[in-house]
Every structure is written in C-alpha cells, then in structure tokens.
Protein backbone atom coordinates (compact mmCIF):
# COMPACT_ATOMS: atom_id res chain seq x y z
CA MET A 1 2.34 12.36 -21.76
CA PRO A 2 4.35 11.42 -24.89
CA GLU A 3 7.46 12.91 -23.28
CA ASN A 4 7.25 10.33 -20.50
CA ILE A 5 7.38 7.45 -22.99
CA LEU A 6 10.48 8.94 -24.59
CA ILE A 7 12.11 9.41 -21.17
CA LEU A 8 11.27 5.82 -20.22
CA THR A 9 12.56 4.32 -23.48
CA GLY A 10 15.84 6.18 -23.13
CA ALA A 11 16.14 5.28 -19.45
CA LEU A 12 15.63 1.54 -20.00
CA LEU A 13 18.07 1.50 -22.93
CA ILE A 14 20.74 3.33 -20.91
CA GLU A 15 20.28 1.09 -17.87
CA ALA A 16 20.35 -2.07 -19.99
CA VAL A 17 23.65 -1.05 -21.60
CA ILE A 18 25.62 0.42 -18.69
CA GLY A 19 23.60 -0.15 -15.52
CA TYR A 20 24.63 1.97 -12.54
CA PRO A 21 28.41 2.49 -12.79
CA PRO A 22 30.31 1.17 -9.73
CA GLY A 23 32.43 4.32 -9.64
CA LEU A 24 29.32 6.46 -9.39
CA PHE A 25 28.01 4.24 -6.60
CA ARG A 26 31.25 4.61 -4.67
CA ALA A 27 31.20 8.38 -5.14
CA ILE A 28 27.58 9.22 -4.34
CA ARG A 29 25.92 5.86 -3.52
CA HIS A 30 22.54 5.24 -5.17
CA PRO A 31 19.16 7.04 -5.02
CA VAL A 32 17.61 4.01 -3.31
CA VAL A 33 20.33 4.24 -0.63
CA TRP A 34 19.34 7.90 -0.12
CA PHE A 35 15.68 6.89 0.19
CA GLY A 36 16.66 4.17 2.64
CA ALA A 37 18.65 6.58 4.80
CA LEU A 38 15.62 8.87 5.10
CA ILE A 39 13.29 5.96 5.83
CA GLY A 40 15.66 4.68 8.52
CA TRP A 41 15.83 8.12 10.13
CA LEU A 42 12.02 8.43 10.13
CA ASP A 43 11.73 4.94 11.59
CA ARG A 44 14.07 5.80 14.46
CA ARG A 45 12.39 9.14 15.19
CA LEU A 46 8.71 8.32 14.74
CA ASN A 47 8.31 4.59 15.47
CA LEU A 48 8.45 4.54 19.27
CA GLU A 49 7.79 1.46 21.39
CA THR A 50 5.98 3.60 23.98
CA GLN A 51 3.21 4.39 21.47
CA SER A 52 0.03 2.41 21.00
CA PHE A 53 -0.58 0.31 17.87
CA ALA A 54 -2.87 3.02 16.45
CA GLN A 55 -0.33 5.76 17.16
CA ARG A 56 2.44 3.81 15.47
CA ARG A 57 0.23 3.22 12.45
CA ALA A 58 -0.51 6.96 12.27
CA MET A 59 3.22 7.72 12.54
CA GLY A 60 3.82 5.28 9.67
CA VAL A 61 1.36 7.20 7.51
CA LEU A 62 3.10 10.45 8.44
CA ALA A 63 6.54 8.99 7.68
CA LEU A 64 5.37 7.84 4.25
CA LEU A 65 3.94 11.29 3.47
CA ILE A 66 7.18 12.99 4.54
CA LEU A 67 9.22 10.60 2.41
CA LEU A 68 7.10 11.23 -0.67
CA LEU A 69 7.14 15.00 -0.23
CA VAL A 70 10.92 15.06 0.19
CA VAL A 71 11.68 12.94 -2.88
CA LEU A 72 8.92 14.13 -5.20
CA PHE A 73 9.56 17.85 -4.92
CA PRO A 74 13.07 17.83 -6.50
CA ALA A 75 12.01 15.24 -9.11
CA ALA A 76 9.02 17.33 -10.18
CA ALA A 77 11.09 20.52 -10.17
CA LEU A 78 13.71 18.90 -12.42
CA GLN A 79 11.13 17.66 -14.88
CA LEU A 80 9.42 21.05 -15.07
CA ALA A 81 12.76 22.77 -15.60
CA LEU A 82 14.16 20.34 -18.17
CA LEU A 83 11.17 19.55 -20.38
CA PRO A 84 11.12 23.01 -22.04
CA LEU A 85 14.74 22.44 -23.15
CA GLY A 86 13.67 19.94 -25.81
CA TRP A 87 15.81 16.93 -26.69
CA GLY A 88 18.62 17.93 -24.36
CA GLY A 89 16.24 18.12 -21.42
CA LEU A 90 14.66 14.77 -22.34
CA ALA A 91 18.12 13.20 -22.51
CA VAL A 92 19.02 14.45 -19.02
CA LEU A 93 15.72 13.19 -17.63
CA ALA A 94 16.32 9.79 -19.25
CA VAL A 95 19.79 9.58 -17.66
CA LEU A 96 18.34 10.46 -14.25
CA ALA A 97 15.49 7.97 -14.60
CA ALA A 98 17.96 5.27 -15.72
CA THR A 99 19.33 5.11 -12.16
CA LEU A 100 16.12 3.50 -10.87
CA PRO A 101 15.20 0.39 -12.94
CA ALA A 102 17.15 -2.78 -12.17
CA GLN A 103 17.28 -4.78 -15.42
CA ARG A 104 21.05 -5.19 -15.52
CA SER A 105 21.75 -5.54 -11.80
CA LEU A 106 18.98 -8.11 -11.34
CA HIS A 107 20.44 -10.24 -14.12
CA GLN A 108 23.92 -9.95 -12.60
CA HIS A 109 22.77 -10.99 -9.12
CA VAL A 110 20.82 -14.02 -10.33
CA GLN A 111 23.57 -15.00 -12.76
CA ALA A 112 25.95 -14.98 -9.78
CA VAL A 113 23.79 -17.69 -8.17
CA ALA A 114 24.01 -19.85 -11.29
CA GLU A 115 27.77 -19.33 -11.45
CA GLY A 116 28.13 -20.05 -7.74
CA LEU A 117 26.36 -23.39 -8.11
CA GLU A 118 28.25 -24.32 -11.26
CA GLU A 119 31.70 -23.34 -10.00
CA ARG A 120 31.59 -23.86 -6.21
CA GLY A 121 28.67 -26.18 -5.65
CA LEU A 122 25.97 -25.80 -3.01
CA GLU A 123 27.94 -23.49 -0.72
CA GLY A 124 28.68 -21.13 -3.59
CA GLY A 125 25.01 -21.07 -4.54
CA ARG A 126 23.92 -20.46 -0.96
CA ALA A 127 26.36 -17.58 -0.56
CA ALA A 128 25.16 -15.91 -3.77
CA VAL A 129 21.44 -16.43 -3.17
CA SER A 130 21.72 -14.98 0.35
CA MET A 131 22.41 -11.63 -1.34
CA ILE A 132 19.00 -11.52 -3.03
CA VAL A 133 16.52 -13.39 -0.80
CA GLY A 134 15.54 -13.12 2.84
CA ARG A 135 15.12 -16.81 3.56
CA ASN A 136 17.63 -18.89 5.50
CA PRO A 137 20.14 -20.16 2.89
CA GLU A 138 21.30 -22.97 5.18
CA SER A 139 17.85 -24.53 4.84
CA LEU A 140 18.18 -24.77 1.04
CA ASP A 141 19.47 -27.68 -0.99
CA GLU A 142 20.55 -27.13 -4.62
CA ALA A 143 16.98 -27.26 -5.91
CA GLY A 144 15.92 -24.84 -3.17
CA VAL A 145 18.66 -22.39 -4.11
CA VAL A 146 17.59 -22.51 -7.77
CA ARG A 147 13.92 -22.06 -6.90
CA ALA A 148 14.71 -19.14 -4.55
CA ALA A 149 16.77 -17.38 -7.22
CA THR A 150 14.14 -18.03 -9.89
CA GLU A 151 11.36 -16.70 -7.67
CA SER A 152 13.44 -13.60 -6.89
CA LEU A 153 14.08 -13.10 -10.62
CA ALA A 154 10.38 -13.30 -11.43
CA GLU A 155 9.19 -11.11 -8.55
CA ASN A 156 11.89 -8.50 -9.07
CA PHE A 157 11.22 -8.42 -12.80
CA SER A 158 7.84 -7.05 -11.77
CA ASP A 159 9.00 -4.85 -8.86
CA GLY A 160 12.35 -3.73 -10.22
CA VAL A 161 11.78 -3.49 -13.97
CA VAL A 162 8.14 -3.43 -15.06
CA ALA A 163 6.71 -1.37 -12.19
CA PRO A 164 9.30 1.44 -12.52
CA ALA A 165 8.52 1.46 -16.25
CA VAL A 166 4.77 1.71 -15.63
CA TRP A 167 5.15 4.63 -13.23
CA CYS A 168 7.70 6.41 -15.42
CA ALA A 169 5.27 6.12 -18.34
CA LEU A 170 2.54 7.63 -16.17
CA GLY A 171 4.55 10.36 -14.45
CA GLY A 172 8.01 10.70 -15.94
CA LEU A 173 10.84 11.24 -13.48
CA PRO A 174 8.46 12.06 -10.57
CA GLY A 175 6.49 8.91 -11.35
CA ILE A 176 9.46 6.56 -11.20
CA VAL A 177 10.83 8.32 -8.10
CA PHE A 178 7.42 7.95 -6.42
CA TYR A 179 7.35 4.25 -7.14
CA LYS A 180 10.90 3.53 -5.98
CA ALA A 181 10.36 5.48 -2.75
CA VAL A 182 7.22 3.48 -1.95
CA ASN A 183 8.88 0.18 -2.87
CA THR A 184 11.95 0.96 -0.76
CA ALA A 185 9.77 1.89 2.21
CA ASP A 186 7.90 -1.39 1.89
CA SER A 187 11.13 -3.40 1.73
CA MET A 188 12.44 -1.70 4.89
CA VAL A 189 9.40 -1.36 7.13
CA GLY A 190 6.48 -3.05 5.36
CA HIS A 191 6.71 -6.42 7.07
CA ARG A 192 4.83 -8.00 9.96
CA SER A 193 7.50 -7.90 12.62
CA ALA A 194 6.70 -6.68 16.11
CA ARG A 195 8.40 -3.36 15.36
CA HIS A 196 6.88 -2.69 11.94
CA ALA A 197 3.44 -4.35 11.87
CA ALA A 198 1.82 -1.00 12.66
CA PHE A 199 4.41 1.51 11.45
CA GLY A 200 4.89 -0.21 8.10
CA TRP A 201 1.19 -0.76 7.40
CA ALA A 202 0.78 2.27 5.10
CA SER A 203 3.94 1.49 3.12
CA ALA A 204 2.94 -2.16 2.64
CA ARG A 205 -0.60 -1.36 1.55
CA LEU A 206 0.48 1.39 -0.85
CA ASP A 207 3.17 -0.87 -2.32
CA ASP A 208 0.56 -3.57 -2.95
CA LEU A 209 -1.60 -1.02 -4.75
CA VAL A 210 1.08 0.57 -6.94
CA ASN A 211 2.36 -2.88 -8.01
CA LEU A 212 -1.03 -4.23 -9.13
CA PRO A 213 -0.79 -3.21 -12.81
CA ALA A 214 2.90 -4.08 -13.14
CA SER A 215 2.54 -7.61 -11.74
CA ARG A 216 -0.08 -8.45 -14.36
CA LEU A 217 1.97 -6.83 -17.12
CA ALA A 218 5.10 -8.69 -15.98
CA ALA A 219 3.22 -11.99 -16.27
CA PHE A 220 2.19 -10.99 -19.79
CA TRP A 221 5.81 -10.24 -20.83
CA ILE A 222 6.98 -13.59 -19.40
CA TRP A 223 4.19 -15.40 -21.24
CA LEU A 224 5.06 -13.64 -24.51
CA ALA A 225 8.75 -14.40 -24.03
CA ALA A 226 7.86 -18.05 -23.40
CA ALA A 227 5.96 -18.11 -26.69
CA LEU A 228 9.12 -16.99 -28.51
CA LEU A 229 11.87 -18.81 -26.59
CA PRO A 230 12.59 -22.36 -27.83
CA GLY A 231 11.92 -24.92 -25.14
CA ALA A 232 9.75 -22.66 -23.00
CA ASP A 233 6.09 -23.47 -22.39
CA ALA A 234 3.79 -20.51 -23.08
CA GLY A 235 0.69 -22.62 -22.53
CA GLY A 236 2.02 -23.74 -19.18
CA ALA A 237 2.72 -20.14 -18.22
CA TRP A 238 -0.84 -19.13 -19.11
CA ARG A 239 -2.40 -22.00 -17.17
CA ALA A 240 -0.22 -21.45 -14.11
CA VAL A 241 -1.09 -17.75 -13.92
CA TRP A 242 -4.83 -18.29 -14.04
CA ARG A 243 -4.79 -21.32 -11.76
CA ASP A 244 -2.15 -20.43 -9.18
CA ALA A 245 -1.38 -16.69 -9.00
CA ARG A 246 -4.28 -15.90 -6.65
CA HIS A 247 -3.07 -18.54 -4.16
CA HIS A 248 0.21 -16.72 -3.46
CA ARG A 249 0.35 -14.91 -0.12
CA SER A 250 1.23 -11.72 -2.01
CA PRO A 251 -1.47 -10.12 -4.19
CA ASN A 252 1.19 -9.35 -6.81
CA ALA A 253 4.18 -11.72 -6.62
CA GLY A 254 2.12 -14.73 -7.65
CA TRP A 255 1.55 -13.40 -11.16
CA PRO A 256 5.14 -13.27 -12.44
CA GLU A 257 6.18 -16.27 -10.31
CA ALA A 258 3.37 -18.42 -11.68
CA ALA A 259 4.16 -17.32 -15.23
CA MET A 260 7.84 -18.17 -14.75
CA ALA A 261 7.02 -21.53 -13.14
CA GLY A 262 4.67 -22.54 -15.92
CA ALA A 263 7.03 -21.38 -18.65
CA LEU A 264 9.90 -23.43 -17.20
CA ARG A 265 7.71 -26.41 -16.19
CA LEU A 266 8.73 -25.98 -12.54
CA ARG A 267 7.04 -25.62 -9.16
CA LEU A 268 7.93 -22.38 -7.38
CA ALA A 269 6.98 -20.69 -4.09
CA GLY A 270 5.32 -23.13 -1.69
CA PRO A 271 6.39 -23.40 2.00
CA ARG A 272 9.61 -21.49 2.75
CA VAL A 273 11.81 -20.70 5.77
CA TYR A 274 12.74 -17.09 6.63
CA GLY A 275 15.23 -17.09 9.49
CA GLU A 276 13.65 -19.54 11.91
CA THR A 277 10.09 -18.96 10.67
CA ARG A 278 8.35 -21.31 8.26
CA VAL A 279 5.96 -19.51 5.91
CA GLU A 280 3.17 -21.51 4.27
CA ASP A 281 2.36 -20.48 0.72
CA GLY A 282 0.71 -21.92 -2.35
CA TRP A 283 2.73 -23.63 -5.07
CA MET A 284 3.06 -21.84 -8.40
CA GLY A 285 3.10 -24.22 -11.36
CA ASP A 286 2.71 -27.99 -11.46
CA GLY A 287 6.08 -29.04 -12.86
CA ARG A 288 9.27 -30.28 -11.21
CA ALA A 289 10.28 -29.08 -7.77
CA GLU A 290 13.80 -30.49 -8.31
CA ALA A 291 15.15 -27.48 -10.17
CA THR A 292 18.73 -27.46 -11.48
CA PRO A 293 21.29 -24.76 -12.38
CA ALA A 294 20.33 -25.37 -16.02
CA ASP A 295 16.77 -24.28 -15.13
CA LEU A 296 18.16 -21.08 -13.65
CA ARG A 297 20.02 -20.40 -16.90
CA ARG A 298 16.75 -20.92 -18.78
CA ALA A 299 15.01 -18.51 -16.40
CA LEU A 300 17.68 -15.89 -17.10
CA ALA A 301 17.22 -16.34 -20.86
CA LEU A 302 13.46 -15.93 -20.44
CA TYR A 303 13.98 -12.83 -18.31
CA GLN A 304 16.33 -11.24 -20.84
CA LEU A 305 13.86 -11.83 -23.64
CA ALA A 306 10.98 -10.39 -21.56
CA CYS A 307 13.05 -7.24 -20.89
CA ARG A 308 13.85 -6.90 -24.58
CA LEU A 309 10.21 -7.31 -25.56
CA GLN A 310 9.22 -4.52 -23.17
CA LEU A 311 11.95 -2.26 -24.58
CA LEU A 312 11.01 -3.15 -28.16
CA ALA A 313 7.36 -2.25 -27.49
CA LEU A 314 8.41 1.09 -25.99
CA ALA A 315 10.78 1.80 -28.90
CA TRP A 316 7.94 1.16 -31.35
CA LEU A 317 5.64 3.43 -29.34
CA SER A 318 8.33 6.13 -29.22
CA ALA A 319 8.82 5.94 -32.99
CA PHE A 320 5.04 6.26 -33.44
CA LEU A 321 4.94 9.33 -31.17
CA LEU A 322 7.75 11.00 -33.11
CA LYS A 323 5.91 10.82 -36.44
C-alpha cells in the first residue's frame, strides 16, 4: 500500500532525528519492553519442565500465537482508525512506528564501544561491548572487542533497521509490530538452551523466515554505501557476501556481516566464546583479524551512510507516490 511507504519514510526520519526520548522511556518504558514482559509471562506459565519435548514445542507455538494476537489487534485497529483521517492519521501512525526501528540507538551503543576503547582502553571497550553482545567480554582483546561491536552493528542493521522497514512497507504499523514481536521472542526464547530448545523453536524458525529478505537487502545497502564511501571496498564487500555469507551459522546474519567485513577489509565472525561455551563459525571476509578502534569508526561511517541511502530511496519513492 502506498500509505505504508509514507508511514515508513516518516517513521525512519523521526527515529533518525530524535530516537526514543529517554523521558518517554522512563515514563512508559518501550514497546519492546512490553513485548518482553508478555513473552516472559508466557514462558513462565507455559514452558514447564514436567512436559515432554514435544509438549514444550507445542506450548512454544501457542505462546507465539498468543503474543502475535495480543500485539497485532491494537496495531491493526489503530491503522484502520487513523488511515481515513488523511495526513493527520498518517503522521500519528508514523510517530507510533518510529518507536520500533533502532537506527539512532544502535549507532549510540556501538559508538560507546569506540569511545570506551579510545578513552579508557580495553576495560572501557569491554564494559561497553558487554551491553550489546552476548559473548564473554573477558575473553576479548582489543581486536576482539572491535570485531564483536562491528559484527553487532552489521547484524543489527539488518534486524533492527532494515527488517522493521521491510515489514512496515508491507504491512504498515501492524507489519512493523509483527516483526518486532517475533524478533523479541527470538531474542528471549529462541536459543538452544536446555530450557528453550523446544519452547523457543517456533520463535527461532519464524524469526529466520521473516529476516530472510532484510538480510539480503541490508547487504545490498552496505555494498552500495561502500561504493560511495572513500576508503571502503565495494568489490571486497561483494566478494565476501557471495563467498562467505552461506558459511555463517545463521541463515541471515552472514549477509550483512560478510558485506561489512569485505567493505572494511576485515575478518569477522569466526570462533567465539559465549559465557563458557566456544561456538565454531565460519569467517566472514579475508582481511585483517587485528581490528582497531579506527576500524570501528569506519564501520559506523559505513552504517550511517547505509541508513541514509535507505531513507533517501524511501523519500524518492514517497515523492513518486505523491505525484
């Protein structure tokens, strides 16, 4: 629907300029926090250790369906009520949708890692990166901190920026709410722990599916940004995506991570430590593994340009639709 493109363009512009105001967060928290509270409640009530593996998987499917029904009904009702109001209704929908992408906050969190390394050394970098990655920060040297932050930037560009945009374009406010609910469920229960291997199966599989188009599009935006950013390697990004992305343990994360690695002439991903567990994974890119804080600054510049290119494309499309 053309209205969805207009809502999305307005939402991304609003979020890029003001983000999610801290005062609003203190007052009412954030929609993702609301989703998380519901997911946590469903996990406690439905995911019982006395159940069999099959029963816990079935309860996970039920929990996901309940989550989606609860969050989609008000979003759909709002869109149906506001669209007939014309520009005023579109503006309200754009403001509501602007609460869900993470362009600004992602940049702030990764920039904090660069600042931590530059101002307080390795311990400052470890403290900052522990806020955005699940791996054990004590196992990371400076290069490891930079790689972890760069990987998080690339993956979350796909999950936190491009995917919400894709689903908002497809479904407006209900579309972006649907995506964020699925993504939040996956982040909370969609991992292979003893408690969630069965219960989180549906959330993990659906998250993989809904992120398929965005991960490829995110790699495209990073490649295009690399073609325009002085010092970046667009050819390296292209080669890394087609050579390495399929070797990542995630069906989606490898695309933006490989593009970022190739563009910056780095090696990303590879074996990593989460808690006490070592995870084997394929390397993305064939450049340097010894990444520096300067590389993280270059990654942030590439990310900013990729976000702007996406917004510019949507602005052009919106202008075309308004003719």
